[in-house]
Amino acid sequence: MNLLSMSYAGITPHEYAALTGNTNRIDRAKLAEKLNYSNQLNEEFLRKNMEEKNISVITIEDEAYPVNLKETYDPPYILYCRGELEILKNPLLGVVGSRKATSYSRMVLSDILPHFKNKISIISGLAYGADEMAHNISISSGIKTIGVLAFGFDFHYPATTKKLRKIMEREHLVISEYPPHSGIDKWKFIARNRIISGLSKGVLVTEAEEKSGSLITLDMALNENRIAYCIPGNITSKLSKGTNLRVQEGAKPVLGAEDILEDFSFEISSSTEKLKSIIVDKQF
């Protein structure tokens, strides 16, 4: 299947699943219209256009597609990427939190993340607040980081992370499941969360109110058998109420970097062995 053309025609992951026989609950007439449109598109032209925009395309049919994401309930059938694709192979920790994140989130991440250098990479949503903190602290600590967009590469939101995104596209990695012309819609931000949780071994929430989008990401992670991490906080803080409640419900409280590193030990050792083999291959 020409998955790039299908993506440009607006075929959703759920509709793609119907085409592969994994579900039947879709509007067949609407899907037929989209397929007809996708068949009129020039796949070769679209791929050339991606090259001109410096965007790599990974489809679910490619070997480069992340295995852990492919095994999730509703994986995107295509990923648009700008930056270092090799980061997708690293052990990944999702870091999310409130857009109203306080200095507490910054202090906690500044204390924990530097311990992950050469061991774990960080993935987040390039949003204002905790996401922005996680990306910036990762970069300043020499840690590779991935940003997941909830729209196409031709757009950006919020304005505060535009400069950060440019740095990440050049030296780290930014990905999206949407073609470049796909605009900003509220529902896409919720859909974006499943990619963050799906690519991660675990998801860490720094601060979150009782009803928060960050906790939706944590729930998605739990549904995919990922590890749920939460930073305990002041019981009088509204921004810690959500995380404290999740700890009470069974999420793993994080008091230091070791609480996370102990769960990544196998992935870290495997990643180190791969790095050693690459170095040996280059030497000979």
Foldseek 3Di string as FASTA:
>chain_A
DLVVLLQVLPQFLVNVCVVVPNDDPDDVVVSVVSVVRSVPDDSVVSVVVLVVVQKDKDALPDPLPQPLQNPADRHQRMKIKFADSCLLLAAEEEEDADLPADVQLLVQLLFAQLVCALFYAYEYALAHYNRLSNLVSCVVSNHAYEHEYLFAPLDDPDPVSPVVVVVCSYHHMYMYSHHRVGDDDPVSVLVSLLVSLSSHLEYEYEWQALDGSSVSSRVSNVVSVHAYEYEADDPVDRRRVNRNVVVVVPHHYDPHNVSVCVVRVVSRVVSVVVVVVVVVVVVD
